[in-house]
C-alpha atoms as a PDB file:
ATOM      1  CA  MET A   1       0.000   0.000   0.000  1.00  0.00           C
ATOM      2  CA  LYS A   2       1.130   3.521  -0.794  1.00  0.00           C
ATOM      3  CA  THR A   3      -0.261   6.755   0.656  1.00  0.00           C
ATOM      4  CA  ILE A   4      -0.813   9.334  -2.078  1.00  0.00           C
ATOM      5  CA  THR A   5      -2.485  12.655  -2.816  1.00  0.00           C
ATOM      6  CA  PHE A   6      -4.297  13.694  -5.950  1.00  0.00           C
ATOM      7  CA  LYS A   7      -5.846  16.922  -7.134  1.00  0.00           C
ATOM      8  CA  ASN A   8      -9.537  17.733  -7.015  1.00  0.00           C
ATOM      9  CA  GLY A   9      -9.615  21.264  -8.360  1.00  0.00           C
ATOM     10  CA  GLU A  10      -7.498  23.278  -5.930  1.00  0.00           C
ATOM     11  CA  TRP A  11      -7.773  20.736  -3.134  1.00  0.00           C
ATOM     12  CA  ASP A  12      -5.428  17.875  -2.337  1.00  0.00           C
ATOM     13  CA  MET A  13      -7.237  14.599  -1.784  1.00  0.00           C
ATOM     14  CA  ALA A  14      -5.733  11.932   0.463  1.00  0.00           C
ATOM     15  CA  GLY A  15      -5.777   8.338  -0.698  1.00  0.00           C
ATOM     16  CA  ASN A  16      -4.264   4.911  -0.250  1.00  0.00           C
ATOM     17  CA  VAL A  17      -3.362   2.860  -3.315  1.00  0.00           C
ATOM     18  CA  PHE A  18      -3.218  -0.910  -2.865  1.00  0.00           C
ATOM     19  CA  TYR A  19      -1.228  -3.163  -5.183  1.00  0.00           C
ATOM     20  CA  PRO A  20      -1.498  -6.835  -6.136  1.00  0.00           C
ATOM     21  CA  GLU A  21       1.100  -9.294  -4.914  1.00  0.00           C
ATOM     22  CA  ASN A  22       4.187  -9.340  -7.153  1.00  0.00           C
ATOM     23  CA  PHE A  23       3.148  -5.977  -8.589  1.00  0.00           C
ATOM     24  CA  ASP A  24       5.100  -4.993 -11.708  1.00  0.00           C
ATOM     25  CA  LYS A  25       4.823  -1.349 -12.706  1.00  0.00           C
ATOM     26  CA  LYS A  26       5.643  -2.312 -16.303  1.00  0.00           C
ATOM     27  CA  GLN A  27       2.400  -4.270 -16.543  1.00  0.00           C
ATOM     28  CA  LYS A  28      -1.158  -2.971 -17.053  1.00  0.00           C
ATOM     29  CA  TYR A  29      -3.712  -3.667 -14.326  1.00  0.00           C
ATOM     30  CA  PRO A  30      -7.461  -3.188 -13.969  1.00  0.00           C
ATOM     31  CA  ALA A  31      -8.266  -0.671 -11.247  1.00  0.00           C
ATOM     32  CA  ILE A  32     -11.134   0.046  -8.840  1.00  0.00           C
ATOM     33  CA  VAL A  33     -12.004   3.238  -6.921  1.00  0.00           C
ATOM     34  CA  PHE A  34     -13.598   2.599  -3.503  1.00  0.00           C
ATOM     35  CA  THR A  35     -15.772   5.288  -1.889  1.00  0.00           C
ATOM     36  CA  HIS A  36     -16.430   5.269   1.842  1.00  0.00           C
ATOM     37  CA  PRO A  37     -19.741   5.763   3.683  1.00  0.00           C
ATOM     38  CA  GLY A  38     -20.921   9.124   4.962  1.00  0.00           C
ATOM     39  CA  GLY A  39     -18.784  10.154   7.901  1.00  0.00           C
ATOM     40  CA  GLY A  40     -16.246   7.436   7.233  1.00  0.00           C
ATOM     41  CA  VAL A  41     -12.637   7.546   6.111  1.00  0.00           C
ATOM     42  CA  LYS A  42     -10.399   5.480   3.863  1.00  0.00           C
ATOM     43  CA  GLU A  43      -8.927   3.516   6.768  1.00  0.00           C
ATOM     44  CA  GLN A  44     -12.277   1.864   7.502  1.00  0.00           C
ATOM     45  CA  THR A  45     -14.493  -0.338   5.314  1.00  0.00           C
ATOM     46  CA  ALA A  46     -13.451   1.241   1.985  1.00  0.00           C
ATOM     47  CA  GLY A  47      -9.821   0.487   2.772  1.00  0.00           C
ATOM     48  CA  LEU A  48     -10.680  -3.051   3.821  1.00  0.00           C
ATOM     49  CA  TYR A  49     -12.391  -3.760   0.507  1.00  0.00           C
ATOM     50  CA  ALA A  50      -9.631  -2.009  -1.438  1.00  0.00           C
ATOM     51  CA  LYS A  51      -7.013  -4.198   0.233  1.00  0.00           C
ATOM     52  CA  ARG A  52      -8.976  -7.374  -0.335  1.00  0.00           C
ATOM     53  CA  MET A  53      -9.554  -6.605  -4.015  1.00  0.00           C
ATOM     54  CA  ALA A  54      -5.873  -5.777  -4.513  1.00  0.00           C
ATOM     55  CA  GLU A  55      -5.158  -9.278  -3.262  1.00  0.00           C
ATOM     56  CA  LYS A  56      -7.331 -10.474  -6.158  1.00  0.00           C
ATOM     57  CA  GLY A  57      -5.161  -8.731  -8.756  1.00  0.00           C
ATOM     58  CA  PHE A  58      -6.517  -5.183  -9.010  1.00  0.00           C
ATOM     59  CA  VAL A  59      -4.884  -1.844  -8.353  1.00  0.00           C
ATOM     60  CA  THR A  60      -7.288  -0.167  -5.953  1.00  0.00           C
ATOM     61  CA  LEU A  61      -7.733   3.297  -4.503  1.00  0.00           C
ATOM     62  CA  ALA A  62      -9.536   4.250  -1.296  1.00  0.00           C
ATOM     63  CA  PHE A  63      -9.674   7.975  -0.534  1.00  0.00           C
ATOM     64  CA  ASP A  64     -11.034  10.466   1.965  1.00  0.00           C
ATOM     65  CA  ALA A  65     -13.937  12.585   0.764  1.00  0.00           C
ATOM     66  CA  SER A  66     -13.369  16.301   0.338  1.00  0.00           C
ATOM     67  CA  HIS A  67     -14.008  18.225   3.574  1.00  0.00           C
ATOM     68  CA  GLN A  68     -13.322  15.040   5.532  1.00  0.00           C
ATOM     69  CA  GLY A  69     -10.505  12.852   6.806  1.00  0.00           C
ATOM     70  CA  SER A  70      -7.052  13.860   5.570  1.00  0.00           C
ATOM     71  CA  SER A  71      -8.387  15.453   2.383  1.00  0.00           C
ATOM     72  CA  GLU A  72      -8.624  19.204   2.009  1.00  0.00           C
ATOM     73  CA  GLY A  73     -11.860  21.146   1.690  1.00  0.00           C
ATOM     74  CA  GLU A  74     -13.471  23.911   3.683  1.00  0.00           C
ATOM     75  CA  PRO A  75     -15.659  24.093   5.657  1.00  0.00           C
ATOM     76  CA  ARG A  76     -14.760  20.884   7.443  1.00  0.00           C
ATOM     77  CA  TYR A  77     -17.206  18.006   7.814  1.00  0.00           C
ATOM     78  CA  LEU A  78     -19.501  19.149   5.027  1.00  0.00           C
ATOM     79  CA  GLU A  79     -21.480  16.328   3.369  1.00  0.00           C
ATOM     80  CA  ASN A  80     -22.201  17.704  -0.095  1.00  0.00           C
ATOM     81  CA  PRO A  81     -23.399  15.031  -2.564  1.00  0.00           C
ATOM     82  CA  THR A  82     -22.381  17.025  -5.631  1.00  0.00           C
ATOM     83  CA  GLU A  83     -18.841  17.322  -4.321  1.00  0.00           C
ATOM     84  CA  ARG A  84     -18.812  13.693  -3.199  1.00  0.00           C
ATOM     85  CA  VAL A  85     -19.657  12.659  -6.750  1.00  0.00           C
ATOM     86  CA  GLY A  86     -16.978  15.035  -8.007  1.00  0.00           C
ATOM     87  CA  ASP A  87     -14.480  13.371  -5.687  1.00  0.00           C
ATOM     88  CA  ILE A  88     -15.016  10.137  -7.614  1.00  0.00           C
ATOM     89  CA  PHE A  89     -14.439  11.913 -10.930  1.00  0.00           C
ATOM     90  CA  ALA A  90     -11.147  13.224  -9.527  1.00  0.00           C
ATOM     91  CA  ALA A  91     -10.159   9.775  -8.271  1.00  0.00           C
ATOM     92  CA  VAL A  92     -10.722   8.367 -11.766  1.00  0.00           C
ATOM     93  CA  ASP A  93      -8.663  11.258 -13.168  1.00  0.00           C
ATOM     94  CA  TYR A  94      -5.809  10.181 -10.907  1.00  0.00           C
ATOM     95  CA  LEU A  95      -5.999   6.528 -11.919  1.00  0.00           C
ATOM     96  CA  THR A  96      -5.769   7.493 -15.597  1.00  0.00           C
ATOM     97  CA  THR A  97      -2.395   9.125 -14.902  1.00  0.00           C
ATOM     98  CA  LEU A  98      -0.876   5.878 -13.620  1.00  0.00           C
ATOM     99  CA  LYS A  99       0.980   4.121 -16.418  1.00  0.00           C
ATOM    100  CA  TYR A 100       0.347   0.717 -14.855  1.00  0.00           C
ATOM    101  CA  VAL A 101      -3.444   1.188 -14.887  1.00  0.00           C
ATOM    102  CA  ASP A 102      -5.417   0.056 -17.925  1.00  0.00           C
ATOM    103  CA  LYS A 103      -7.557   3.129 -18.686  1.00  0.00           C
ATOM    104  CA  GLU A 104     -10.184   0.948 -20.324  1.00  0.00           C
ATOM    105  CA  LYS A 105     -10.577  -1.185 -17.205  1.00  0.00           C
ATOM    106  CA  ILE A 106     -11.410   1.224 -14.389  1.00  0.00           C
ATOM    107  CA  GLY A 107     -14.266   0.255 -12.103  1.00  0.00           C
ATOM    108  CA  ALA A 108     -15.895   1.920  -9.107  1.00  0.00           C
ATOM    109  CA  ALA A 109     -17.418   0.577  -5.915  1.00  0.00           C
ATOM    110  CA  GLY A 110     -18.876   2.226  -2.848  1.00  0.00           C
ATOM    111  CA  ILE A 111     -20.197   1.258   0.542  1.00  0.00           C
ATOM    112  CA  CYS A 112     -23.368   2.722   2.119  1.00  0.00           C
ATOM    113  CA  ALA A 113     -23.678   6.369   1.008  1.00  0.00           C
ATOM    114  CA  GLY A 114     -20.513   5.748  -1.012  1.00  0.00           C
ATOM    115  CA  GLY A 115     -22.550   3.259  -3.033  1.00  0.00           C
ATOM    116  CA  GLY A 116     -25.123   5.908  -3.846  1.00  0.00           C
ATOM    117  CA  TYR A 117     -22.439   8.408  -4.781  1.00  0.00           C
ATOM    118  CA  THR A 118     -20.716   5.792  -6.938  1.00  0.00           C
ATOM    119  CA  ILE A 119     -23.916   5.061  -8.840  1.00  0.00           C
ATOM    120  CA  ALA A 120     -24.464   8.780  -9.409  1.00  0.00           C
ATOM    121  CA  ALA A 121     -20.868   9.283 -10.585  1.00  0.00           C
ATOM    122  CA  SER A 122     -20.951   6.268 -12.900  1.00  0.00           C
ATOM    123  CA  THR A 123     -24.194   7.435 -14.499  1.00  0.00           C
ATOM    124  CA  LEU A 124     -22.300  10.481 -15.732  1.00  0.00           C
ATOM    125  CA  ASP A 125     -18.681   9.353 -16.071  1.00  0.00           C
ATOM    126  CA  HIS A 126     -18.408   6.450 -18.486  1.00  0.00           C
ATOM    127  CA  ARG A 127     -14.690   6.113 -17.988  1.00  0.00           C
ATOM    128  CA  ILE A 128     -16.037   3.904 -15.189  1.00  0.00           C
ATOM    129  CA  LYS A 129     -16.577   0.582 -16.930  1.00  0.00           C
ATOM    130  CA  ALA A 130     -18.248  -1.390 -14.135  1.00  0.00           C
ATOM    131  CA  VAL A 131     -20.107  -0.319 -10.991  1.00  0.00           C
ATOM    132  CA  ALA A 132     -20.691  -2.003  -7.630  1.00  0.00           C
ATOM    133  CA  GLY A 133     -22.594  -0.934  -4.534  1.00  0.00           C
ATOM    134  CA  ILE A 134     -22.296  -2.616  -1.143  1.00  0.00           C
ATOM    135  CA  SER A 135     -25.101  -1.886   1.335  1.00  0.00           C
ATOM    136  CA  THR A 136     -26.000   0.999  -0.976  1.00  0.00           C
ATOM    137  CA  TYR A 137     -27.698   3.900   0.813  1.00  0.00           C
ATOM    138  CA  ASP A 138     -29.710   6.728  -0.719  1.00  0.00           C
ATOM    139  CA  PHE A 139     -28.761   9.648   1.528  1.00  0.00           C
ATOM    140  CA  GLY A 140     -31.204  12.029  -0.141  1.00  0.00           C
ATOM    141  CA  SER A 141     -34.182   9.739   0.242  1.00  0.00           C
ATOM    142  CA  ALA A 142     -33.307   9.039   3.860  1.00  0.00           C
ATOM    143  CA  PHE A 143     -33.261  12.789   4.552  1.00  0.00           C
ATOM    144  CA  ARG A 144     -36.534  13.436   2.756  1.00  0.00           C
ATOM    145  CA  ASP A 145     -38.580  10.322   3.245  1.00  0.00           C
ATOM    146  CA  GLY A 146     -37.308   8.706   6.432  1.00  0.00           C
ATOM    147  CA  PHE A 147     -35.221   5.602   7.070  1.00  0.00           C
ATOM    148  CA  PRO A 148     -35.841   2.733   7.346  1.00  0.00           C
ATOM    149  CA  ASN A 149     -39.579   3.442   7.417  1.00  0.00           C
ATOM    150  CA  GLU A 150     -39.764   5.227   4.092  1.00  0.00           C
ATOM    151  CA  GLY A 151     -42.683   7.615   3.916  1.00  0.00           C
ATOM    152  CA  THR A 152     -42.437   8.756   7.523  1.00  0.00           C
ATOM    153  CA  GLY A 153     -40.764  11.958   6.387  1.00  0.00           C
ATOM    154  CA  ASN A 154     -43.135  14.868   5.818  1.00  0.00           C
ATOM    155  CA  PRO A 155     -42.898  18.433   4.492  1.00  0.00           C
ATOM    156  CA  GLU A 156     -43.135  19.958   7.973  1.00  0.00           C
ATOM    157  CA  ASP A 157     -40.098  18.015   9.177  1.00  0.00           C
ATOM    158  CA  GLN A 158     -38.213  18.764   5.978  1.00  0.00           C
ATOM    159  CA  LEU A 159     -38.910  22.493   6.260  1.00  0.00           C
ATOM    160  CA  ALA A 160     -37.805  22.488   9.892  1.00  0.00           C
ATOM    161  CA  THR A 161     -34.553  20.734   8.942  1.00  0.00           C
ATOM    162  CA  LEU A 162     -33.930  23.218   6.144  1.00  0.00           C
ATOM    163  CA  LYS A 163     -34.611  26.178   8.447  1.00  0.00           C
ATOM    164  CA  SER A 164     -32.087  24.836  10.951  1.00  0.00           C
ATOM    165  CA  ALA A 165     -29.528  24.432   8.166  1.00  0.00           C
ATOM    166  CA  SER A 166     -30.154  27.955   6.860  1.00  0.00           C
ATOM    167  CA  ASP A 167     -29.917  29.367  10.371  1.00  0.00           C
ATOM    168  CA  ALA A 168     -26.589  27.582  10.776  1.00  0.00           C
ATOM    169  CA  ARG A 169     -25.308  29.285   7.618  1.00  0.00           C
ATOM    170  CA  THR A 170     -26.367  32.658   9.001  1.00  0.00           C
ATOM    171  CA  ILE A 171     -24.507  31.971  12.229  1.00  0.00           C
ATOM    172  CA  MET A 172     -21.343  31.034  10.341  1.00  0.00           C
ATOM    173  CA  ALA A 173     -21.646  33.972   7.931  1.00  0.00           C
ATOM    174  CA  ASN A 174     -21.727  36.300  10.922  1.00  0.00           C
ATOM    175  CA  GLY A 175     -18.627  34.865  12.541  1.00  0.00           C
ATOM    176  CA  GLY A 176     -20.288  32.318  14.801  1.00  0.00           C
ATOM    177  CA  GLU A 177     -19.134  28.782  15.487  1.00  0.00           C
ATOM    178  CA  PRO A 178     -20.138  26.034  13.036  1.00  0.00           C
ATOM    179  CA  VAL A 179     -23.146  23.921  14.016  1.00  0.00           C
ATOM    180  CA  TYR A 180     -22.706  20.158  13.773  1.00  0.00           C
ATOM    181  CA  GLY A 181     -24.905  17.117  13.877  1.00  0.00           C
ATOM    182  CA  THR A 182     -23.872  13.452  13.931  1.00  0.00           C
ATOM    183  CA  TYR A 183     -24.093  10.558  11.503  1.00  0.00           C
ATOM    184  CA  VAL A 184     -24.603   7.882  14.152  1.00  0.00           C
ATOM    185  CA  PRO A 185     -25.265   7.812  17.918  1.00  0.00           C
ATOM    186  CA  ASN A 186     -22.222   9.157  19.718  1.00  0.00           C
ATOM    187  CA  SER A 187     -22.453   7.031  22.836  1.00  0.00           C
ATOM    188  CA  GLU A 188     -24.103   3.906  24.150  1.00  0.00           C
ATOM    189  CA  ASP A 189     -26.349   6.130  26.281  1.00  0.00           C
ATOM    190  CA  GLU A 190     -27.968   7.426  23.097  1.00  0.00           C
ATOM    191  CA  LEU A 191     -29.113   3.974  21.966  1.00  0.00           C
ATOM    192  CA  THR A 192     -32.826   3.231  22.372  1.00  0.00           C
ATOM    193  CA  ASP A 193     -34.960   0.145  21.851  1.00  0.00           C
ATOM    194  CA  ASP A 194     -36.958   1.743  19.038  1.00  0.00           C
ATOM    195  CA  MET A 195     -33.879   2.951  17.151  1.00  0.00           C
ATOM    196  CA  PRO A 196     -33.227   1.371  13.725  1.00  0.00           C
ATOM    197  CA  THR A 197     -30.899  -1.623  13.837  1.00  0.00           C
ATOM    198  CA  THR A 198     -28.637   0.149  11.357  1.00  0.00           C
ATOM    199  CA  ALA A 199     -28.108   3.063  13.748  1.00  0.00           C
ATOM    200  CA  LYS A 200     -27.239   0.759  16.648  1.00  0.00           C
ATOM    201  CA  GLU A 201     -24.810  -1.245  14.536  1.00  0.00           C
ATOM    202  CA  ALA A 202     -23.306   1.934  13.075  1.00  0.00           C
ATOM    203  CA  TYR A 203     -22.575   3.116  16.617  1.00  0.00           C
ATOM    204  CA  ASP A 204     -20.797  -0.180  17.294  1.00  0.00           C
ATOM    205  CA  TYR A 205     -18.781   0.139  14.085  1.00  0.00           C
ATOM    206  CA  TYR A 206     -17.813   3.805  14.176  1.00  0.00           C
ATOM    207  CA  ARG A 207     -17.692   4.652  17.869  1.00  0.00           C
ATOM    208  CA  THR A 208     -16.015   1.624  19.447  1.00  0.00           C
ATOM    209  CA  ASP A 209     -12.697  -0.139  19.027  1.00  0.00           C
ATOM    210  CA  ARG A 210     -14.239  -2.177  16.221  1.00  0.00           C
ATOM    211  CA  ALA A 211     -13.431   0.490  13.614  1.00  0.00           C
ATOM    212  CA  SER A 212     -13.253   3.959  15.184  1.00  0.00           C
ATOM    213  CA  HIS A 213     -10.658   6.298  13.705  1.00  0.00           C
ATOM    214  CA  PRO A 214      -9.516   9.748  14.859  1.00  0.00           C
ATOM    215  CA  ASN A 215     -10.154  11.177  11.391  1.00  0.00           C
ATOM    216  CA  ALA A 216     -13.811  10.118  11.572  1.00  0.00           C
ATOM    217  CA  PRO A 217     -15.166  12.146  14.525  1.00  0.00           C
ATOM    218  CA  ASN A 218     -18.872  11.599  13.705  1.00  0.00           C
ATOM    219  CA  LYS A 219     -19.450  15.254  12.834  1.00  0.00           C
ATOM    220  CA  MET A 220     -21.649  16.522  10.007  1.00  0.00           C
ATOM    221  CA  LEU A 221     -21.945  20.225   9.355  1.00  0.00           C
ATOM    222  CA  ALA A 222     -25.601  21.181   9.860  1.00  0.00           C
ATOM    223  CA  THR A 223     -25.610  23.078   6.565  1.00  0.00           C
ATOM    224  CA  SER A 224     -25.182  19.725   4.779  1.00  0.00           C
ATOM    225  CA  ALA A 225     -28.971  19.350   4.862  1.00  0.00           C
ATOM    226  CA  LEU A 226     -29.306  22.064   2.219  1.00  0.00           C
ATOM    227  CA  TYR A 227     -27.353  19.869  -0.201  1.00  0.00           C
ATOM    228  CA  LEU A 228     -28.675  16.457   0.833  1.00  0.00           C
ATOM    229  CA  MET A 229     -32.402  17.215   0.716  1.00  0.00           C
ATOM    230  CA  ASN A 230     -32.668  17.276  -3.084  1.00  0.00           C
ATOM    231  CA  PHE A 231     -30.045  14.637  -3.866  1.00  0.00           C
ATOM    232  CA  ASP A 232     -31.147  11.629  -5.911  1.00  0.00           C
ATOM    233  CA  PRO A 233     -28.340   9.164  -6.722  1.00  0.00           C
ATOM    234  CA  TYR A 234     -30.702   7.356  -9.086  1.00  0.00           C
ATOM    235  CA  ALA A 235     -31.525  10.343 -11.290  1.00  0.00           C
ATOM    236  CA  ASN A 236     -31.351   9.256 -14.934  1.00  0.00           C
ATOM    237  CA  ILE A 237     -29.993   5.785 -14.179  1.00  0.00           C
ATOM    238  CA  ASP A 238     -32.902   4.416 -16.210  1.00  0.00           C
ATOM    239  CA  LYS A 239     -31.371   6.105 -19.254  1.00  0.00           C
ATOM    240  CA  LEU A 240     -27.670   6.681 -18.625  1.00  0.00           C
ATOM    241  CA  LEU A 241     -26.378   3.951 -16.302  1.00  0.00           C
ATOM    242  CA  THR A 242     -25.513   1.449 -19.005  1.00  0.00           C
ATOM    243  CA  GLN A 243     -22.364  -0.092 -17.517  1.00  0.00           C
ATOM    244  CA  PRO A 244     -22.447  -3.515 -15.832  1.00  0.00           C
ATOM    245  CA  LEU A 245     -23.867  -3.107 -12.334  1.00  0.00           C
ATOM    246  CA  MET A 246     -23.615  -5.279  -9.226  1.00  0.00           C
ATOM    247  CA  LEU A 247     -25.521  -4.487  -6.034  1.00  0.00           C
ATOM    248  CA  ILE A 248     -24.650  -6.428  -2.885  1.00  0.00           C
ATOM    249  CA  THR A 249     -26.911  -6.248   0.150  1.00  0.00           C
ATOM    250  CA  GLY A 250     -27.738  -8.285   3.219  1.00  0.00           C
ATOM    251  CA  ASP A 251     -31.033 -10.122   3.214  1.00  0.00           C
ATOM    252  CA  ILE A 252     -31.956  -8.611   6.602  1.00  0.00           C
ATOM    253  CA  SER A 253     -30.469  -5.181   5.862  1.00  0.00           C
ATOM    254  CA  GLU A 254     -32.803  -2.265   6.543  1.00  0.00           C
ATOM    255  CA  SER A 255     -31.335  -0.563   3.463  1.00  0.00           C
ATOM    256  CA  ARG A 256     -31.992  -3.511   1.146  1.00  0.00           C
ATOM    257  CA  TYR A 257     -34.747  -1.661  -0.703  1.00  0.00           C
ATOM    258  CA  TYR A 258     -32.241   0.952  -1.929  1.00  0.00           C
ATOM    259  CA  SER A 259     -30.276  -1.772  -3.732  1.00  0.00           C
ATOM    260  CA  GLU A 260     -33.447  -3.329  -5.098  1.00  0.00           C
ATOM    261  CA  ARG A 261     -34.612   0.044  -6.390  1.00  0.00           C
ATOM    262  CA  ALA A 262     -31.309   0.731  -8.149  1.00  0.00           C
ATOM    263  CA  TYR A 263     -31.361  -2.753  -9.666  1.00  0.00           C
ATOM    264  CA  GLU A 264     -34.873  -2.274 -11.016  1.00  0.00           C
ATOM    265  CA  LYS A 265     -34.260   1.238 -12.397  1.00  0.00           C
ATOM    266  CA  ALA A 266     -30.796   0.962 -13.948  1.00  0.00           C
ATOM    267  CA  ALA A 267     -30.570   0.809 -17.732  1.00  0.00           C
ATOM    268  CA  SER A 268     -27.715  -1.706 -17.501  1.00  0.00           C
ATOM    269  CA  SER A 269     -28.366  -4.820 -19.545  1.00  0.00           C
ATOM    270  CA  ASP A 270     -25.784  -6.633 -17.425  1.00  0.00           C
ATOM    271  CA  LYS A 271     -26.838  -6.238 -13.790  1.00  0.00           C
ATOM    272  CA  GLU A 272     -26.984  -8.451 -10.743  1.00  0.00           C
ATOM    273  CA  LEU A 273     -28.544  -8.128  -7.317  1.00  0.00           C
ATOM    274  CA  VAL A 274     -26.607 -10.203  -4.771  1.00  0.00           C
ATOM    275  CA  ILE A 275     -28.477 -10.984  -1.552  1.00  0.00           C
ATOM    276  CA  VAL A 276     -26.154 -12.117   1.251  1.00  0.00           C
ATOM    277  CA  GLU A 277     -27.992 -14.418   3.621  1.00  0.00           C
ATOM    278  CA  GLY A 278     -27.958 -13.430   7.279  1.00  0.00           C
ATOM    279  CA  ALA A 279     -26.251 -10.045   6.771  1.00  0.00           C
ATOM    280  CA  THR A 280     -27.393  -6.637   7.974  1.00  0.00           C
ATOM    281  CA  HIS A 281     -26.384  -3.293   6.471  1.00  0.00           C
ATOM    282  CA  VAL A 282     -23.333  -2.834   8.718  1.00  0.00           C
ATOM    283  CA  ASP A 283     -22.363  -6.521   8.678  1.00  0.00           C
ATOM    284  CA  MET A 284     -21.260  -5.958   5.087  1.00  0.00           C
ATOM    285  CA  TYR A 285     -18.678  -3.404   6.282  1.00  0.00           C
ATOM    286  CA  ASP A 286     -16.277  -5.800   7.953  1.00  0.00           C
ATOM    287  CA  VAL A 287     -17.722  -9.132   9.110  1.00  0.00           C
ATOM    288  CA  PRO A 288     -15.416 -11.679   7.418  1.00  0.00           C
ATOM    289  CA  GLN A 289     -18.027 -14.248   6.376  1.00  0.00           C
ATOM    290  CA  TYR A 290     -20.013 -11.559   4.532  1.00  0.00           C
ATOM    291  CA  VAL A 291     -17.080  -9.536   3.207  1.00  0.00           C
ATOM    292  CA  ASN A 292     -15.603 -12.737   1.762  1.00  0.00           C
ATOM    293  CA  GLN A 293     -18.777 -13.350  -0.222  1.00  0.00           C
ATOM    294  CA  ALA A 294     -18.808  -9.788  -1.536  1.00  0.00           C
ATOM    295  CA  VAL A 295     -15.133  -9.966  -2.514  1.00  0.00           C
ATOM    296  CA  ASP A 296     -15.643 -13.241  -4.369  1.00  0.00           C
ATOM    297  CA  LYS A 297     -18.599 -11.812  -6.275  1.00  0.00           C
ATOM    298  CA  MET A 298     -16.780  -8.578  -7.135  1.00  0.00           C
ATOM    299  CA  THR A 299     -13.658 -10.420  -8.245  1.00  0.00           C
ATOM    300  CA  THR A 300     -15.603 -12.208 -10.958  1.00  0.00           C
ATOM    301  CA  PHE A 301     -17.606  -9.103 -11.790  1.00  0.00           C
ATOM    302  CA  PHE A 302     -14.714  -6.656 -12.182  1.00  0.00           C
ATOM    303  CA  SER A 303     -12.533  -9.240 -13.945  1.00  0.00           C
ATOM    304  CA  GLU A 304     -15.011  -9.062 -16.829  1.00  0.00           C
ATOM    305  CA  MET A 305     -14.612  -5.274 -17.384  1.00  0.00           C
END
């Protein structure tokens, strides 16, 4: 593995490139960009998958989103879907500059919100030849419509969220301190019986020794809501997402319907929905028995780019 930076406009993006065993820079390799979940960093599940797929013969890149982790971008901890999609464009740019990467065999994969961003990026950027989502999450729909009980969102709640976000911008514009929310519960005391399973498991993943990282402080700038509310990662995938598509989700995942929806809508003539028995949304991040199945499926899938 090699730690690198690449340009995204004026910002430096931080990434880790993973290489196959017996790597030879004189050879040409297929490559895969891995995009992490919202609030995550490259050292967590994206890096795990990138490492595992490098072991299967691919050059892989896991990177920190702009505004987050070790990547540049101000203000810090902003979750802006348009920029997150642009991050993937920039990551593909970087891979095309590597002489040992086959430019005609670049794929993209993302986990959770990274899956949604990857689908959105691949719909537009057809340098990406194959697309995979793992526990794909539609951040925009979750903000608007509720998660996991879709439809529980209502205009009154949405307007209140947007007002809070606008107020936060006013505070910052007038020299006040940034206002932050969280992606997942911050402490065990915040867990409740009626909380979605995904939230409880996300706490265990991100906020305990299981996978916590100092660069992932569980902070989301409140103004992010102004960007997330209208985001639709599936916009135009019925017309423009023509690349091979693989969606991997747990059979008891609360986010399963996001993968099913993408599978049904995508224009891809070569698409597969992989249901992993016994797995939840967060299980697919790092539980070996489920990760192994995803890696095996993706190895075959991306080998056919």
